[in-house]
Amino acid sequence: MNNRYGEFERRLFEVLAKSGERIFVLGPAGDLLVANAVKDGFFEDKKVEGMGFHVQASNGFSKNFPMTFTYWVTDTGVEFIKRFAQGADIA
């Protein structure tokens, strides 16, 4: 558990277990903070349009960097978070 999920993910699991919320929004780089939980199917990125930072370079490079990420806690995630909060086996 300590090697799979970072401190942020573990704290988020605790908050979600207490609140029962299934939707949450993260700021810049939020996608990196929950990457393993997304990979494991606990959270789904809803790709909600939000604030962004657009970079346009003189060489033609153009990219929009999202500043918010909206996630849904999946049914699998709800079950995992319940087991995590109860201290049950999560393997």
PDB file of N, CA and C in Angstrom:
ATOM      1  N   MET A   1       0.822  -1.193   0.000  1.00  0.00           N
ATOM      2  CA  MET A   1       0.000   0.000   0.000  1.00  0.00           C
ATOM      3  C   MET A   1       0.865   1.257   0.000  1.00  0.00           C
ATOM      4  N   ASN A   2       1.874   1.321   0.881  1.00  0.00           N
ATOM      5  CA  ASN A   2       2.706   2.513   0.962  1.00  0.00           C
ATOM      6  C   ASN A   2       3.513   2.737  -0.310  1.00  0.00           C
ATOM      7  N   ASN A   3       3.860   1.676  -1.007  1.00  0.00           N
ATOM      8  CA  ASN A   3       4.631   1.823  -2.229  1.00  0.00           C
ATOM      9  C   ASN A   3       3.745   2.051  -3.446  1.00  0.00           C
ATOM     10  N   ARG A   4       2.512   1.611  -3.406  1.00  0.00           N
ATOM     11  CA  ARG A   4       1.618   1.733  -4.558  1.00  0.00           C
ATOM     12  C   ARG A   4       0.967   3.107  -4.618  1.00  0.00           C
ATOM     13  N   TYR A   5       0.502   3.607  -3.486  1.00  0.00           N
ATOM     14  CA  TYR A   5      -0.232   4.875  -3.450  1.00  0.00           C
ATOM     15  C   TYR A   5       0.551   5.906  -2.655  1.00  0.00           C
ATOM     16  N   GLY A   6       0.630   7.099  -3.211  1.00  0.00           N
ATOM     17  CA  GLY A   6       1.349   8.174  -2.557  1.00  0.00           C
ATOM     18  C   GLY A   6       0.572   8.721  -1.371  1.00  0.00           C
ATOM     19  N   GLU A   7       1.240   9.608  -0.635  1.00  0.00           N
ATOM     20  CA  GLU A   7       0.622  10.225   0.536  1.00  0.00           C
ATOM     21  C   GLU A   7      -0.666  10.942   0.165  1.00  0.00           C
ATOM     22  N   PHE A   8      -0.667  11.649  -0.950  1.00  0.00           N
ATOM     23  CA  PHE A   8      -1.865  12.373  -1.370  1.00  0.00           C
ATOM     24  C   PHE A   8      -3.029  11.413  -1.614  1.00  0.00           C
ATOM     25  N   GLU A   9      -2.770  10.325  -2.341  1.00  0.00           N
ATOM     26  CA  GLU A   9      -3.831   9.354  -2.619  1.00  0.00           C
ATOM     27  C   GLU A   9      -4.379   8.757  -1.320  1.00  0.00           C
ATOM     28  N   ARG A  10      -3.507   8.404  -0.399  1.00  0.00           N
ATOM     29  CA  ARG A  10      -3.962   7.807   0.867  1.00  0.00           C
ATOM     30  C   ARG A  10      -4.809   8.791   1.664  1.00  0.00           C
ATOM     31  N   ARG A  11      -4.402  10.052   1.692  1.00  0.00           N
ATOM     32  CA  ARG A  11      -5.215  11.060   2.400  1.00  0.00           C
ATOM     33  C   ARG A  11      -6.547  11.269   1.696  1.00  0.00           C
ATOM     34  N   LEU A  12      -6.537  11.241   0.377  1.00  0.00           N
ATOM     35  CA  LEU A  12      -7.776  11.386  -0.384  1.00  0.00           C
ATOM     36  C   LEU A  12      -8.711  10.209  -0.112  1.00  0.00           C
ATOM     37  N   PHE A  13      -8.182   8.988  -0.035  1.00  0.00           N
ATOM     38  CA  PHE A  13      -9.009   7.826   0.315  1.00  0.00           C
ATOM     39  C   PHE A  13      -9.701   8.056   1.661  1.00  0.00           C
ATOM     40  N   GLU A  14      -8.961   8.575   2.640  1.00  0.00           N
ATOM     41  CA  GLU A  14      -9.534   8.830   3.967  1.00  0.00           C
ATOM     42  C   GLU A  14     -10.651   9.873   3.904  1.00  0.00           C
ATOM     43  N   VAL A  15     -10.409  10.953   3.198  1.00  0.00           N
ATOM     44  CA  VAL A  15     -11.415  12.015   3.070  1.00  0.00           C
ATOM     45  C   VAL A  15     -12.665  11.485   2.377  1.00  0.00           C
ATOM     46  N   LEU A  16     -12.484  10.735   1.307  1.00  0.00           N
ATOM     47  CA  LEU A  16     -13.627  10.193   0.573  1.00  0.00           C
ATOM     48  C   LEU A  16     -14.388   9.165   1.401  1.00  0.00           C
ATOM     49  N   ALA A  17     -13.674   8.391   2.216  1.00  0.00           N
ATOM     50  CA  ALA A  17     -14.341   7.415   3.086  1.00  0.00           C
ATOM     51  C   ALA A  17     -15.245   8.125   4.088  1.00  0.00           C
ATOM     52  N   LYS A  18     -14.774   9.238   4.652  1.00  0.00           N
ATOM     53  CA  LYS A  18     -15.573   9.980   5.634  1.00  0.00           C
ATOM     54  C   LYS A  18     -16.728  10.727   4.996  1.00  0.00           C
ATOM     55  N   SER A  19     -16.490  11.316   3.831  1.00  0.00           N
ATOM     56  CA  SER A  19     -17.516  12.160   3.210  1.00  0.00           C
ATOM     57  C   SER A  19     -18.527  11.373   2.385  1.00  0.00           C
ATOM     58  N   GLY A  20     -18.095  10.255   1.823  1.00  0.00           N
ATOM     59  CA  GLY A  20     -18.971   9.489   0.942  1.00  0.00           C
ATOM     60  C   GLY A  20     -19.141  10.129  -0.431  1.00  0.00           C
ATOM     61  N   GLU A  21     -18.406  11.203  -0.692  1.00  0.00           N
ATOM     62  CA  GLU A  21     -18.493  11.888  -1.989  1.00  0.00           C
ATOM     63  C   GLU A  21     -17.986  10.982  -3.106  1.00  0.00           C
ATOM     64  N   ARG A  22     -18.553  11.164  -4.296  1.00  0.00           N
ATOM     65  CA  ARG A  22     -18.112  10.386  -5.443  1.00  0.00           C
ATOM     66  C   ARG A  22     -17.544  11.256  -6.551  1.00  0.00           C
ATOM     67  N   ILE A  23     -17.563  12.553  -6.371  1.00  0.00           N
ATOM     68  CA  ILE A  23     -16.992  13.467  -7.355  1.00  0.00           C
ATOM     69  C   ILE A  23     -16.034  14.411  -6.632  1.00  0.00           C
ATOM     70  N   PHE A  24     -14.876  14.647  -7.219  1.00  0.00           N
ATOM     71  CA  PHE A  24     -13.945  15.614  -6.651  1.00  0.00           C
ATOM     72  C   PHE A  24     -13.151  16.264  -7.773  1.00  0.00           C
ATOM     73  N   VAL A  25     -12.648  17.447  -7.480  1.00  0.00           N
ATOM     74  CA  VAL A  25     -11.882  18.232  -8.457  1.00  0.00           C
ATOM     75  C   VAL A  25     -10.502  18.509  -7.876  1.00  0.00           C
ATOM     76  N   LEU A  26      -9.497  18.333  -8.719  1.00  0.00           N
ATOM     77  CA  LEU A  26      -8.120  18.619  -8.327  1.00  0.00           C
ATOM     78  C   LEU A  26      -7.566  19.727  -9.217  1.00  0.00           C
ATOM     79  N   GLY A  27      -6.574  20.425  -8.707  1.00  0.00           N
ATOM     80  CA  GLY A  27      -5.948  21.508  -9.446  1.00  0.00           C
ATOM     81  C   GLY A  27      -4.825  21.019 -10.345  1.00  0.00           C
ATOM     82  N   PRO A  28      -3.952  21.945 -10.752  1.00  0.00           N
ATOM     83  CA  PRO A  28      -2.852  21.610 -11.652  1.00  0.00           C
ATOM     84  C   PRO A  28      -2.034  20.426 -11.141  1.00  0.00           C
ATOM     85  N   ALA A  29      -1.695  19.542 -12.043  1.00  0.00           N
ATOM     86  CA  ALA A  29      -0.930  18.318 -11.773  1.00  0.00           C
ATOM     87  C   ALA A  29      -1.722  17.312 -10.937  1.00  0.00           C
ATOM     88  N   GLY A  30      -3.001  17.546 -10.756  1.00  0.00           N
ATOM     89  CA  GLY A  30      -3.842  16.602 -10.017  1.00  0.00           C
ATOM     90  C   GLY A  30      -3.862  15.224 -10.649  1.00  0.00           C
ATOM     91  N   ASP A  31      -3.742  15.192 -11.970  1.00  0.00           N
ATOM     92  CA  ASP A  31      -3.717  13.907 -12.666  1.00  0.00           C
ATOM     93  C   ASP A  31      -2.521  13.069 -12.248  1.00  0.00           C
ATOM     94  N   LEU A  32      -1.399  13.716 -11.952  1.00  0.00           N
ATOM     95  CA  LEU A  32      -0.214  12.979 -11.500  1.00  0.00           C
ATOM     96  C   LEU A  32      -0.367  12.473 -10.075  1.00  0.00           C
ATOM     97  N   LEU A  33      -1.080  13.232  -9.256  1.00  0.00           N
ATOM     98  CA  LEU A  33      -1.234  12.874  -7.842  1.00  0.00           C
ATOM     99  C   LEU A  33      -2.102  11.634  -7.634  1.00  0.00           C
ATOM    100  N   VAL A  34      -3.005  11.347  -8.572  1.00  0.00           N
ATOM    101  CA  VAL A  34      -3.898  10.193  -8.422  1.00  0.00           C
ATOM    102  C   VAL A  34      -3.705   9.163  -9.545  1.00  0.00           C
ATOM    103  N   ALA A  35      -2.564   9.228 -10.212  1.00  0.00           N
ATOM    104  CA  ALA A  35      -2.324   8.375 -11.384  1.00  0.00           C
ATOM    105  C   ALA A  35      -2.471   6.884 -11.091  1.00  0.00           C
ATOM    106  N   ASN A  36      -1.963   6.398  -9.961  1.00  0.00           N
ATOM    107  CA  ASN A  36      -2.060   4.965  -9.666  1.00  0.00           C
ATOM    108  C   ASN A  36      -3.494   4.559  -9.353  1.00  0.00           C
ATOM    109  N   ALA A  37      -4.235   5.403  -8.645  1.00  0.00           N
ATOM    110  CA  ALA A  37      -5.632   5.085  -8.348  1.00  0.00           C
ATOM    111  C   ALA A  37      -6.465   5.068  -9.632  1.00  0.00           C
ATOM    112  N   VAL A  38      -6.140   5.936 -10.578  1.00  0.00           N
ATOM    113  CA  VAL A  38      -6.830   5.922 -11.879  1.00  0.00           C
ATOM    114  C   VAL A  38      -6.483   4.640 -12.624  1.00  0.00           C
ATOM    115  N   LYS A  39      -5.173   4.294 -12.651  1.00  0.00           N
ATOM    116  CA  LYS A  39      -4.726   3.058 -13.311  1.00  0.00           C
ATOM    117  C   LYS A  39      -5.436   1.835 -12.755  1.00  0.00           C
ATOM    118  N   ASP A  40      -5.669   1.837 -11.440  1.00  0.00           N
ATOM    119  CA  ASP A  40      -6.304   0.692 -10.788  1.00  0.00           C
ATOM    120  C   ASP A  40      -7.828   0.711 -10.896  1.00  0.00           C
ATOM    121  N   GLY A  41      -8.371   1.727 -11.566  1.00  0.00           N
ATOM    122  CA  GLY A  41      -9.808   1.774 -11.813  1.00  0.00           C
ATOM    123  C   GLY A  41     -10.637   2.339 -10.667  1.00  0.00           C
ATOM    124  N   PHE A  42     -10.011   3.018  -9.708  1.00  0.00           N
ATOM    125  CA  PHE A  42     -10.744   3.581  -8.569  1.00  0.00           C
ATOM    126  C   PHE A  42     -11.369   4.927  -8.901  1.00  0.00           C
ATOM    127  N   PHE A  43     -10.707   5.696  -9.758  1.00  0.00           N
ATOM    128  CA  PHE A  43     -11.194   7.012 -10.168  1.00  0.00           C
ATOM    129  C   PHE A  43     -11.243   7.066 -11.685  1.00  0.00           C
ATOM    130  N   GLU A  44     -12.232   7.785 -12.197  1.00  0.00           N
ATOM    131  CA  GLU A  44     -12.357   7.981 -13.637  1.00  0.00           C
ATOM    132  C   GLU A  44     -12.313   9.477 -13.932  1.00  0.00           C
ATOM    133  N   ASP A  45     -11.407   9.872 -14.826  1.00  0.00           N
ATOM    134  CA  ASP A  45     -11.304  11.271 -15.236  1.00  0.00           C
ATOM    135  C   ASP A  45     -12.489  11.581 -16.142  1.00  0.00           C
ATOM    136  N   LYS A  46     -13.314  12.536 -15.744  1.00  0.00           N
ATOM    137  CA  LYS A  46     -14.510  12.872 -16.509  1.00  0.00           C
ATOM    138  C   LYS A  46     -14.238  13.864 -17.626  1.00  0.00           C
ATOM    139  N   LYS A  47     -13.002  14.318 -17.764  1.00  0.00           N
ATOM    140  CA  LYS A  47     -12.607  15.213 -18.859  1.00  0.00           C
ATOM    141  C   LYS A  47     -13.513  16.445 -18.949  1.00  0.00           C
ATOM    142  N   VAL A  48     -13.847  17.015 -17.809  1.00  0.00           N
ATOM    143  CA  VAL A  48     -14.683  18.207 -17.769  1.00  0.00           C
ATOM    144  C   VAL A  48     -13.825  19.413 -18.139  1.00  0.00           C
ATOM    145  N   GLU A  49     -14.302  20.189 -19.079  1.00  0.00           N
ATOM    146  CA  GLU A  49     -13.576  21.396 -19.476  1.00  0.00           C
ATOM    147  C   GLU A  49     -13.548  22.371 -18.312  1.00  0.00           C
ATOM    148  N   GLY A  50     -12.411  22.929 -18.067  1.00  0.00           N
ATOM    149  CA  GLY A  50     -12.262  23.891 -16.987  1.00  0.00           C
ATOM    150  C   GLY A  50     -11.218  24.918 -17.362  1.00  0.00           C
ATOM    151  N   MET A  51     -10.627  25.478 -16.382  1.00  0.00           N
ATOM    152  CA  MET A  51      -9.583  26.465 -16.644  1.00  0.00           C
ATOM    153  C   MET A  51      -8.382  25.788 -17.282  1.00  0.00           C
ATOM    154  N   GLY A  52      -7.688  26.529 -18.107  1.00  0.00           N
ATOM    155  CA  GLY A  52      -6.497  26.002 -18.742  1.00  0.00           C
ATOM    156  C   GLY A  52      -5.478  27.099 -18.951  1.00  0.00           C
ATOM    157  N   PHE A  53      -4.284  26.697 -19.242  1.00  0.00           N
ATOM    158  CA  PHE A  53      -3.194  27.624 -19.528  1.00  0.00           C
ATOM    159  C   PHE A  53      -2.707  27.298 -20.923  1.00  0.00           C
ATOM    160  N   HIS A  54      -2.865  28.225 -21.843  1.00  0.00           N
ATOM    161  CA  HIS A  54      -2.501  27.981 -23.238  1.00  0.00           C
ATOM    162  C   HIS A  54      -1.115  28.562 -23.523  1.00  0.00           C
ATOM    163  N   VAL A  55      -0.277  27.739 -24.147  1.00  0.00           N
ATOM    164  CA  VAL A  55       1.062  28.164 -24.540  1.00  0.00           C
ATOM    165  C   VAL A  55       1.114  28.197 -26.060  1.00  0.00           C
ATOM    166  N   GLN A  56       1.539  29.323 -26.587  1.00  0.00           N
ATOM    167  CA  GLN A  56       1.711  29.487 -28.034  1.00  0.00           C
ATOM    168  C   GLN A  56       3.113  30.018 -28.266  1.00  0.00           C
ATOM    169  N   ALA A  57       3.946  29.227 -28.924  1.00  0.00           N
ATOM    170  CA  ALA A  57       5.326  29.635 -29.183  1.00  0.00           C
ATOM    171  C   ALA A  57       5.473  30.151 -30.610  1.00  0.00           C
ATOM    172  N   SER A  58       6.498  30.934 -30.829  1.00  0.00           N
ATOM    173  CA  SER A  58       6.730  31.512 -32.160  1.00  0.00           C
ATOM    174  C   SER A  58       7.075  30.447 -33.199  1.00  0.00           C
ATOM    175  N   ASN A  59       7.532  29.273 -32.761  1.00  0.00           N
ATOM    176  CA  ASN A  59       7.875  28.199 -33.703  1.00  0.00           C
ATOM    177  C   ASN A  59       6.660  27.355 -34.104  1.00  0.00           C
ATOM    178  N   GLY A  60       5.481  27.767 -33.661  1.00  0.00           N
ATOM    179  CA  GLY A  60       4.262  27.052 -34.028  1.00  0.00           C
ATOM    180  C   GLY A  60       3.756  26.099 -32.961  1.00  0.00           C
ATOM    181  N   PHE A  61       4.574  25.843 -31.931  1.00  0.00           N
ATOM    182  CA  PHE A  61       4.141  24.961 -30.842  1.00  0.00           C
ATOM    183  C   PHE A  61       2.948  25.594 -30.134  1.00  0.00           C
ATOM    184  N   SER A  62       1.936  24.786 -29.904  1.00  0.00           N
ATOM    185  CA  SER A  62       0.736  25.259 -29.214  1.00  0.00           C
ATOM    186  C   SER A  62       0.204  24.119 -28.357  1.00  0.00           C
ATOM    187  N   LYS A  63      -0.042  24.424 -27.100  1.00  0.00           N
ATOM    188  CA  LYS A  63      -0.574  23.390 -26.211  1.00  0.00           C
ATOM    189  C   LYS A  63      -1.377  24.042 -25.103  1.00  0.00           C
ATOM    190  N   ASN A  64      -2.469  23.377 -24.736  1.00  0.00           N
ATOM    191  CA  ASN A  64      -3.296  23.834 -23.627  1.00  0.00           C
ATOM    192  C   ASN A  64      -3.067  22.892 -22.446  1.00  0.00           C
ATOM    193  N   PHE A  65      -2.696  23.456 -21.307  1.00  0.00           N
ATOM    194  CA  PHE A  65      -2.463  22.677 -20.099  1.00  0.00           C
ATOM    195  C   PHE A  65      -3.660  22.862 -19.171  1.00  0.00           C
ATOM    196  N   PRO A  66      -4.361  21.774 -18.827  1.00  0.00           N
ATOM    197  CA  PRO A  66      -5.520  21.900 -17.932  1.00  0.00           C
ATOM    198  C   PRO A  66      -5.097  22.301 -16.523  1.00  0.00           C
ATOM    199  N   MET A  67      -5.906  23.124 -15.898  1.00  0.00           N
ATOM    200  CA  MET A  67      -5.637  23.576 -14.537  1.00  0.00           C
ATOM    201  C   MET A  67      -6.579  22.921 -13.535  1.00  0.00           C
ATOM    202  N   THR A  68      -7.555  22.183 -14.015  1.00  0.00           N
ATOM    203  CA  THR A  68      -8.452  21.435 -13.135  1.00  0.00           C
ATOM    204  C   THR A  68      -8.712  20.054 -13.725  1.00  0.00           C
ATOM    205  N   PHE A  69      -8.936  19.098 -12.836  1.00  0.00           N
ATOM    206  CA  PHE A  69      -9.253  17.721 -13.217  1.00  0.00           C
ATOM    207  C   PHE A  69     -10.440  17.261 -12.373  1.00  0.00           C
ATOM    208  N   THR A  70     -11.484  16.781 -13.027  1.00  0.00           N
ATOM    209  CA  THR A  70     -12.683  16.332 -12.335  1.00  0.00           C
ATOM    210  C   THR A  70     -12.749  14.807 -12.402  1.00  0.00           C
ATOM    211  N   TYR A  71     -12.858  14.176 -11.238  1.00  0.00           N
ATOM    212  CA  TYR A  71     -12.869  12.716 -11.153  1.00  0.00           C
ATOM    213  C   TYR A  71     -14.151  12.206 -10.519  1.00  0.00           C
ATOM    214  N   TRP A  72     -14.540  11.010 -10.942  1.00  0.00           N
ATOM    215  CA  TRP A  72     -15.655  10.262 -10.396  1.00  0.00           C
ATOM    216  C   TRP A  72     -15.073   9.036  -9.708  1.00  0.00           C
ATOM    217  N   VAL A  73     -15.535   8.743  -8.504  1.00  0.00           N
ATOM    218  CA  VAL A  73     -15.111   7.523  -7.809  1.00  0.00           C
ATOM    219  C   VAL A  73     -15.949   6.373  -8.371  1.00  0.00           C
ATOM    220  N   THR A  74     -15.298   5.394  -8.953  1.00  0.00           N
ATOM    221  CA  THR A  74     -15.999   4.257  -9.550  1.00  0.00           C
ATOM    222  C   THR A  74     -16.565   3.343  -8.465  1.00  0.00           C
ATOM    223  N   ASP A  75     -17.410   2.408  -8.851  1.00  0.00           N
ATOM    224  CA  ASP A  75     -17.933   1.425  -7.896  1.00  0.00           C
ATOM    225  C   ASP A  75     -16.791   0.617  -7.282  1.00  0.00           C
ATOM    226  N   THR A  76     -15.809   0.269  -8.106  1.00  0.00           N
ATOM    227  CA  THR A  76     -14.617  -0.437  -7.604  1.00  0.00           C
ATOM    228  C   THR A  76     -13.892   0.421  -6.582  1.00  0.00           C
ATOM    229  N   GLY A  77     -13.795   1.717  -6.862  1.00  0.00           N
ATOM    230  CA  GLY A  77     -13.150   2.649  -5.943  1.00  0.00           C
ATOM    231  C   GLY A  77     -13.888   2.761  -4.631  1.00  0.00           C
ATOM    232  N   VAL A  78     -15.213   2.801  -4.681  1.00  0.00           N
ATOM    233  CA  VAL A  78     -16.022   2.879  -3.458  1.00  0.00           C
ATOM    234  C   VAL A  78     -15.744   1.668  -2.574  1.00  0.00           C
ATOM    235  N   GLU A  79     -15.725   0.490  -3.163  1.00  0.00           N
ATOM    236  CA  GLU A  79     -15.468  -0.734  -2.392  1.00  0.00           C
ATOM    237  C   GLU A  79     -14.055  -0.730  -1.804  1.00  0.00           C
ATOM    238  N   PHE A  80     -13.074  -0.318  -2.618  1.00  0.00           N
ATOM    239  CA  PHE A  80     -11.700  -0.262  -2.132  1.00  0.00           C
ATOM    240  C   PHE A  80     -11.584   0.717  -0.963  1.00  0.00           C
ATOM    241  N   ILE A  81     -12.162   1.892  -1.121  1.00  0.00           N
ATOM    242  CA  ILE A  81     -12.079   2.926  -0.083  1.00  0.00           C
ATOM    243  C   ILE A  81     -12.748   2.464   1.203  1.00  0.00           C
ATOM    244  N   LYS A  82     -13.857   1.745   1.094  1.00  0.00           N
ATOM    245  CA  LYS A  82     -14.513   1.182   2.297  1.00  0.00           C
ATOM    246  C   LYS A  82     -13.572   0.228   3.013  1.00  0.00           C
ATOM    247  N   ARG A  83     -12.962  -0.689   2.255  1.00  0.00           N
ATOM    248  CA  ARG A  83     -12.026  -1.655   2.857  1.00  0.00           C
ATOM    249  C   ARG A  83     -10.817  -0.946   3.456  1.00  0.00           C
ATOM    250  N   PHE A  84     -10.300   0.047   2.764  1.00  0.00           N
ATOM    251  CA  PHE A  84      -9.161   0.833   3.254  1.00  0.00           C
ATOM    252  C   PHE A  84      -9.504   1.502   4.579  1.00  0.00           C
ATOM    253  N   ALA A  85     -10.660   2.133   4.661  1.00  0.00           N
ATOM    254  CA  ALA A  85     -11.082   2.867   5.857  1.00  0.00           C
ATOM    255  C   ALA A  85     -11.308   1.921   7.033  1.00  0.00           C
ATOM    256  N   GLN A  86     -11.741   0.690   6.758  1.00  0.00           N
ATOM    257  CA  GLN A  86     -11.997  -0.279   7.817  1.00  0.00           C
ATOM    258  C   GLN A  86     -10.721  -1.035   8.226  1.00  0.00           C
ATOM    259  N   GLY A  87      -9.643  -0.801   7.491  1.00  0.00           N
ATOM    260  CA  GLY A  87      -8.407  -1.514   7.785  1.00  0.00           C
ATOM    261  C   GLY A  87      -8.441  -2.957   7.328  1.00  0.00           C
ATOM    262  N   ALA A  88      -9.370  -3.259   6.414  1.00  0.00           N
ATOM    263  CA  ALA A  88      -9.515  -4.632   5.904  1.00  0.00           C
ATOM    264  C   ALA A  88      -8.423  -4.921   4.879  1.00  0.00           C
ATOM    265  N   ASP A  89      -8.288  -6.191   4.511  1.00  0.00           N
ATOM    266  CA  ASP A  89      -7.316  -6.604   3.522  1.00  0.00           C
ATOM    267  C   ASP A  89      -7.651  -5.938   2.187  1.00  0.00           C
ATOM    268  N   ILE A  90      -6.699  -5.247   1.611  1.00  0.00           N
ATOM    269  CA  ILE A  90      -6.948  -4.552   0.352  1.00  0.00           C
ATOM    270  C   ILE A  90      -6.139  -5.135  -0.803  1.00  0.00           C
ATOM    271  N   ALA A  91      -5.543  -6.283  -0.573  1.00  0.00           N
ATOM    272  CA  ALA A  91      -4.734  -6.913  -1.610  1.00  0.00           C
ATOM    273  C   ALA A  91      -5.592  -7.456  -2.732  1.00  0.00           C
TER     274      ALA A  91
END
